[in-house]
PDB file of all heavy atoms in Angstrom:
ATOM      1  N   GLU A   1       3.550 -16.875 -10.662  1.00  0.00           N
ATOM      2  CA  GLU A   1       3.610 -17.845  -9.564  1.00  0.00           C
ATOM      3  C   GLU A   1       4.875 -17.701  -8.732  1.00  0.00           C
ATOM      4  O   GLU A   1       4.911 -18.143  -7.590  1.00  0.00           O
ATOM      5  CB  GLU A   1       3.493 -19.266 -10.118  1.00  0.00           C
ATOM      6  CG  GLU A   1       2.122 -19.548 -10.701  1.00  0.00           C
ATOM      7  CD  GLU A   1       1.947 -21.002 -11.085  1.00  0.00           C
ATOM      8  OE1 GLU A   1       2.474 -21.870 -10.372  1.00  0.00           O
ATOM      9  OE2 GLU A   1       1.261 -21.255 -12.089  1.00  0.00           O
ATOM     10  N   THR A   2       5.895 -17.074  -9.270  1.00  0.00           N
ATOM     11  CA  THR A   2       7.133 -16.902  -8.515  1.00  0.00           C
ATOM     12  C   THR A   2       7.021 -15.774  -7.493  1.00  0.00           C
ATOM     13  O   THR A   2       7.830 -15.691  -6.578  1.00  0.00           O
ATOM     14  CB  THR A   2       8.321 -16.606  -9.456  1.00  0.00           C
ATOM     15  OG1 THR A   2       8.071 -15.393 -10.159  1.00  0.00           O
ATOM     16  CG2 THR A   2       8.522 -17.742 -10.440  1.00  0.00           C
ATOM     17  N   ASP A   3       6.025 -14.900  -7.669  1.00  0.00           N
ATOM     18  CA  ASP A   3       5.825 -13.790  -6.737  1.00  0.00           C
ATOM     19  C   ASP A   3       5.470 -14.319  -5.353  1.00  0.00           C
ATOM     20  O   ASP A   3       5.992 -13.880  -4.343  1.00  0.00           O
ATOM     21  CB  ASP A   3       4.743 -12.849  -7.267  1.00  0.00           C
ATOM     22  CG  ASP A   3       4.555 -11.607  -6.418  1.00  0.00           C
ATOM     23  OD1 ASP A   3       5.079 -11.544  -5.301  1.00  0.00           O
ATOM     24  OD2 ASP A   3       3.868 -10.696  -6.882  1.00  0.00           O
ATOM     25  N   GLY A   4       4.553 -15.266  -5.300  1.00  0.00           N
ATOM     26  CA  GLY A   4       4.197 -15.924  -4.056  1.00  0.00           C
ATOM     27  C   GLY A   4       3.311 -15.144  -3.110  1.00  0.00           C
ATOM     28  O   GLY A   4       2.979 -15.615  -2.041  1.00  0.00           O
ATOM     29  N   ARG A   5       2.919 -13.928  -3.472  1.00  0.00           N
ATOM     30  CA  ARG A   5       2.085 -13.144  -2.559  1.00  0.00           C
ATOM     31  C   ARG A   5       0.607 -13.432  -2.810  1.00  0.00           C
ATOM     32  O   ARG A   5       0.119 -13.304  -3.921  1.00  0.00           O
ATOM     33  CB  ARG A   5       2.378 -11.662  -2.704  1.00  0.00           C
ATOM     34  CG  ARG A   5       3.776 -11.323  -2.220  1.00  0.00           C
ATOM     35  CD  ARG A   5       4.030  -9.860  -2.249  1.00  0.00           C
ATOM     36  NE  ARG A   5       4.164  -9.445  -3.654  1.00  0.00           N
ATOM     37  CZ  ARG A   5       4.305  -8.190  -4.036  1.00  0.00           C
ATOM     38  NH1 ARG A   5       4.323  -7.229  -3.146  1.00  0.00           N
ATOM     39  NH2 ARG A   5       4.427  -7.889  -5.299  1.00  0.00           N
ATOM     40  N   THR A   6      -0.067 -13.801  -1.763  1.00  0.00           N
ATOM     41  CA  THR A   6      -1.501 -14.086  -1.810  1.00  0.00           C
ATOM     42  C   THR A   6      -2.210 -13.107  -0.891  1.00  0.00           C
ATOM     43  O   THR A   6      -1.749 -12.833   0.207  1.00  0.00           O
ATOM     44  CB  THR A   6      -1.780 -15.529  -1.349  1.00  0.00           C
ATOM     45  OG1 THR A   6      -1.117 -16.425  -2.232  1.00  0.00           O
ATOM     46  CG2 THR A   6      -3.267 -15.833  -1.338  1.00  0.00           C
ATOM     47  N   ILE A   7      -3.332 -12.606  -1.337  1.00  0.00           N
ATOM     48  CA  ILE A   7      -4.158 -11.728  -0.513  1.00  0.00           C
ATOM     49  C   ILE A   7      -5.108 -12.608   0.287  1.00  0.00           C
ATOM     50  O   ILE A   7      -5.709 -13.537  -0.252  1.00  0.00           O
ATOM     51  CB  ILE A   7      -4.939 -10.739  -1.395  1.00  0.00           C
ATOM     52  CG1 ILE A   7      -3.954  -9.813  -2.103  1.00  0.00           C
ATOM     53  CG2 ILE A   7      -5.965  -9.960  -0.567  1.00  0.00           C
ATOM     54  CD1 ILE A   7      -4.574  -8.949  -3.153  1.00  0.00           C
ATOM     55  N   ALA A   8      -5.238 -12.340   1.567  1.00  0.00           N
ATOM     56  CA  ALA A   8      -6.122 -13.123   2.424  1.00  0.00           C
ATOM     57  C   ALA A   8      -7.292 -12.263   2.881  1.00  0.00           C
ATOM     58  O   ALA A   8      -7.109 -11.138   3.343  1.00  0.00           O
ATOM     59  CB  ALA A   8      -5.367 -13.660   3.627  1.00  0.00           C
ATOM     60  N   LEU A   9      -8.483 -12.810   2.735  1.00  0.00           N
ATOM     61  CA  LEU A   9      -9.707 -12.159   3.202  1.00  0.00           C
ATOM     62  C   LEU A   9     -10.453 -13.103   4.130  1.00  0.00           C
ATOM     63  O   LEU A   9     -10.445 -14.314   3.935  1.00  0.00           O
ATOM     64  CB  LEU A   9     -10.628 -11.819   2.029  1.00  0.00           C
ATOM     65  CG  LEU A   9     -10.142 -10.811   1.002  1.00  0.00           C
ATOM     66  CD1 LEU A   9     -11.181 -10.667  -0.106  1.00  0.00           C
ATOM     67  CD2 LEU A   9      -9.877  -9.466   1.652  1.00  0.00           C
ATOM     68  N   GLY A  10     -11.102 -12.536   5.123  1.00  0.00           N
ATOM     69  CA  GLY A  10     -12.023 -13.293   5.945  1.00  0.00           C
ATOM     70  C   GLY A  10     -13.436 -12.999   5.485  1.00  0.00           C
ATOM     71  O   GLY A  10     -13.743 -11.887   5.054  1.00  0.00           O
ATOM     72  N   HIS A  11     -14.293 -14.009   5.528  1.00  0.00           N
ATOM     73  CA  HIS A  11     -15.707 -13.828   5.167  1.00  0.00           C
ATOM     74  C   HIS A  11     -16.519 -14.231   6.393  1.00  0.00           C
ATOM     75  O   HIS A  11     -16.599 -15.400   6.752  1.00  0.00           O
ATOM     76  CB  HIS A  11     -16.051 -14.689   3.957  1.00  0.00           C
ATOM     77  CG  HIS A  11     -17.354 -14.346   3.340  1.00  0.00           C
ATOM     78  ND1 HIS A  11     -18.132 -15.280   2.707  1.00  0.00           N
ATOM     79  CD2 HIS A  11     -18.041 -13.179   3.243  1.00  0.00           C
ATOM     80  CE1 HIS A  11     -19.226 -14.712   2.230  1.00  0.00           C
ATOM     81  NE2 HIS A  11     -19.193 -13.432   2.559  1.00  0.00           N
ATOM     82  N   LEU A  12     -17.103 -13.242   7.042  1.00  0.00           N
ATOM     83  CA  LEU A  12     -17.776 -13.461   8.320  1.00  0.00           C
ATOM     84  C   LEU A  12     -19.273 -13.611   8.149  1.00  0.00           C
ATOM     85  O   LEU A  12     -19.937 -12.741   7.587  1.00  0.00           O
ATOM     86  CB  LEU A  12     -17.488 -12.285   9.265  1.00  0.00           C
ATOM     87  CG  LEU A  12     -16.016 -11.983   9.505  1.00  0.00           C
ATOM     88  CD1 LEU A  12     -15.870 -10.715  10.329  1.00  0.00           C
ATOM     89  CD2 LEU A  12     -15.329 -13.146  10.172  1.00  0.00           C
ATOM     90  N   ASN A  13     -19.792 -14.724   8.645  1.00  0.00           N
ATOM     91  CA  ASN A  13     -21.234 -14.981   8.664  1.00  0.00           C
ATOM     92  C   ASN A  13     -21.884 -14.808   7.293  1.00  0.00           C
ATOM     93  O   ASN A  13     -23.038 -14.408   7.192  1.00  0.00           O
ATOM     94  CB  ASN A  13     -21.931 -14.080   9.681  1.00  0.00           C
ATOM     95  CG  ASN A  13     -21.388 -14.276  11.074  1.00  0.00           C
ATOM     96  OD1 ASN A  13     -21.078 -15.394  11.470  1.00  0.00           O
ATOM     97  ND2 ASN A  13     -21.233 -13.197  11.809  1.00  0.00           N
ATOM     98  N   ASN A  14     -21.130 -15.097   6.236  1.00  0.00           N
ATOM     99  CA  ASN A  14     -21.625 -14.958   4.860  1.00  0.00           C
ATOM    100  C   ASN A  14     -22.153 -13.567   4.563  1.00  0.00           C
ATOM    101  O   ASN A  14     -23.031 -13.391   3.735  1.00  0.00           O
ATOM    102  CB  ASN A  14     -22.693 -16.011   4.553  1.00  0.00           C
ATOM    103  CG  ASN A  14     -22.102 -17.392   4.476  1.00  0.00           C
ATOM    104  OD1 ASN A  14     -21.010 -17.574   3.947  1.00  0.00           O
ATOM    105  ND2 ASN A  14     -22.807 -18.369   5.003  1.00  0.00           N
ATOM    106  N   GLU A  15     -21.612 -12.561   5.239  1.00  0.00           N
ATOM    107  CA  GLU A  15     -22.079 -11.192   5.022  1.00  0.00           C
ATOM    108  C   GLU A  15     -20.959 -10.205   4.736  1.00  0.00           C
ATOM    109  O   GLU A  15     -21.096  -9.377   3.854  1.00  0.00           O
ATOM    110  CB  GLU A  15     -22.865 -10.701   6.248  1.00  0.00           C
ATOM    111  CG  GLU A  15     -24.190 -11.397   6.421  1.00  0.00           C
ATOM    112  CD  GLU A  15     -24.998 -10.790   7.546  1.00  0.00           C
ATOM    113  OE1 GLU A  15     -24.790  -9.603   7.857  1.00  0.00           O
ATOM    114  OE2 GLU A  15     -25.817 -11.509   8.112  1.00  0.00           O
ATOM    115  N   HIS A  16     -19.866 -10.246   5.496  1.00  0.00           N
ATOM    116  CA  HIS A  16     -18.844  -9.204   5.404  1.00  0.00           C
ATOM    117  C   HIS A  16     -17.479  -9.806   5.094  1.00  0.00           C
ATOM    118  O   HIS A  16     -17.114 -10.834   5.651  1.00  0.00           O
ATOM    119  CB  HIS A  16     -18.749  -8.419   6.716  1.00  0.00           C
ATOM    120  CG  HIS A  16     -19.994  -7.702   7.074  1.00  0.00           C
ATOM    121  ND1 HIS A  16     -20.413  -6.556   6.437  1.00  0.00           N
ATOM    122  CD2 HIS A  16     -20.941  -7.969   8.001  1.00  0.00           C
ATOM    123  CE1 HIS A  16     -21.558  -6.157   6.969  1.00  0.00           C
ATOM    124  NE2 HIS A  16     -21.906  -6.995   7.907  1.00  0.00           N
ATOM    125  N   TYR A  17     -16.732  -9.117   4.234  1.00  0.00           N
ATOM    126  CA  TYR A  17     -15.338  -9.466   3.988  1.00  0.00           C
ATOM    127  C   TYR A  17     -14.457  -8.547   4.830  1.00  0.00           C
ATOM    128  O   TYR A  17     -14.752  -7.374   4.981  1.00  0.00           O
ATOM    129  CB  TYR A  17     -14.979  -9.271   2.510  1.00  0.00           C
ATOM    130  CG  TYR A  17     -15.571 -10.310   1.606  1.00  0.00           C
ATOM    131  CD1 TYR A  17     -16.742 -10.082   0.928  1.00  0.00           C
ATOM    132  CD2 TYR A  17     -14.934 -11.535   1.424  1.00  0.00           C
ATOM    133  CE1 TYR A  17     -17.294 -11.031   0.082  1.00  0.00           C
ATOM    134  CE2 TYR A  17     -15.470 -12.504   0.579  1.00  0.00           C
ATOM    135  CZ  TYR A  17     -16.648 -12.241  -0.086  1.00  0.00           C
ATOM    136  OH  TYR A  17     -17.193 -13.182  -0.918  1.00  0.00           O
ATOM    137  N   VAL A  18     -13.375  -9.119   5.366  1.00  0.00           N
ATOM    138  CA  VAL A  18     -12.411  -8.334   6.128  1.00  0.00           C
ATOM    139  C   VAL A  18     -11.004  -8.727   5.661  1.00  0.00           C
ATOM    140  O   VAL A  18     -10.767  -9.851   5.247  1.00  0.00           O
ATOM    141  CB  VAL A  18     -12.542  -8.559   7.654  1.00  0.00           C
ATOM    142  CG1 VAL A  18     -13.870  -8.042   8.172  1.00  0.00           C
ATOM    143  CG2 VAL A  18     -12.370 -10.012   8.011  1.00  0.00           C
ATOM    144  N   ALA A  19     -10.075  -7.770   5.714  1.00  0.00           N
ATOM    145  CA  ALA A  19      -8.692  -8.051   5.342  1.00  0.00           C
ATOM    146  C   ALA A  19      -8.012  -8.828   6.467  1.00  0.00           C
ATOM    147  O   ALA A  19      -8.239  -8.562   7.642  1.00  0.00           O
ATOM    148  CB  ALA A  19      -7.960  -6.749   5.081  1.00  0.00           C
ATOM    149  N   LEU A  20      -7.203  -9.782   6.085  1.00  0.00           N
ATOM    150  CA  LEU A  20      -6.450 -10.577   7.036  1.00  0.00           C
ATOM    151  C   LEU A  20      -4.967 -10.518   6.699  1.00  0.00           C
ATOM    152  O   LEU A  20      -4.599 -10.391   5.539  1.00  0.00           O
ATOM    153  CB  LEU A  20      -6.883 -12.051   6.994  1.00  0.00           C
ATOM    154  CG  LEU A  20      -8.344 -12.347   7.303  1.00  0.00           C
ATOM    155  CD1 LEU A  20      -8.623 -13.825   7.053  1.00  0.00           C
ATOM    156  CD2 LEU A  20      -8.678 -11.984   8.733  1.00  0.00           C
ATOM    157  N   LYS A  21      -4.143 -10.653   7.705  1.00  0.00           N
ATOM    158  CA  LYS A  21      -2.707 -10.784   7.462  1.00  0.00           C
ATOM    159  C   LYS A  21      -2.436 -12.270   7.313  1.00  0.00           C
ATOM    160  O   LYS A  21      -2.841 -13.076   8.145  1.00  0.00           O
ATOM    161  CB  LYS A  21      -1.912 -10.217   8.629  1.00  0.00           C
ATOM    162  CG  LYS A  21      -0.436 -10.255   8.393  1.00  0.00           C
ATOM    163  CD  LYS A  21       0.304  -9.573   9.516  1.00  0.00           C
ATOM    164  CE  LYS A  21       1.795  -9.626   9.246  1.00  0.00           C
ATOM    165  NZ  LYS A  21       2.541  -8.980  10.300  1.00  0.00           N
ATOM    166  N   TYR A  22      -1.740 -12.642   6.238  1.00  0.00           N
ATOM    167  CA  TYR A  22      -1.529 -14.038   5.916  1.00  0.00           C
ATOM    168  C   TYR A  22      -0.071 -14.250   5.570  1.00  0.00           C
ATOM    169  O   TYR A  22       0.503 -13.490   4.809  1.00  0.00           O
ATOM    170  CB  TYR A  22      -2.413 -14.426   4.736  1.00  0.00           C
ATOM    171  CG  TYR A  22      -2.200 -15.809   4.177  1.00  0.00           C
ATOM    172  CD1 TYR A  22      -2.616 -16.916   4.899  1.00  0.00           C
ATOM    173  CD2 TYR A  22      -1.603 -15.985   2.945  1.00  0.00           C
ATOM    174  CE1 TYR A  22      -2.439 -18.187   4.393  1.00  0.00           C
ATOM    175  CE2 TYR A  22      -1.424 -17.261   2.424  1.00  0.00           C
ATOM    176  CZ  TYR A  22      -1.842 -18.359   3.154  1.00  0.00           C
ATOM    177  OH  TYR A  22      -1.669 -19.610   2.649  1.00  0.00           O
ATOM    178  N   SER A  23       0.557 -15.238   6.164  1.00  0.00           N
ATOM    179  CA  SER A  23       1.936 -15.548   5.805  1.00  0.00           C
ATOM    180  C   SER A  23       2.098 -17.056   5.737  1.00  0.00           C
ATOM    181  O   SER A  23       1.426 -17.793   6.450  1.00  0.00           O
ATOM    182  CB  SER A  23       2.908 -14.942   6.807  1.00  0.00           C
ATOM    183  OG  SER A  23       2.659 -15.465   8.094  1.00  0.00           O
ATOM    184  N   VAL A  24       2.981 -17.485   4.878  1.00  0.00           N
ATOM    185  CA  VAL A  24       3.210 -18.912   4.684  1.00  0.00           C
ATOM    186  C   VAL A  24       4.405 -19.332   5.505  1.00  0.00           C
ATOM    187  O   VAL A  24       5.361 -18.665   5.641  1.00  0.00           O
ATOM    188  CB  VAL A  24       3.441 -19.228   3.197  1.00  0.00           C
ATOM    189  CG1 VAL A  24       3.753 -20.700   3.000  1.00  0.00           C
ATOM    190  CG2 VAL A  24       2.255 -18.818   2.400  1.00  0.00           C
TER     191      VAL A  24
END
């Protein structure tokens, strides 16, 4: 939990996953 890095994905139209850039 101290790492703090989360991977973000987008899920489009319940069909495709795409990588997203995510920052807190």
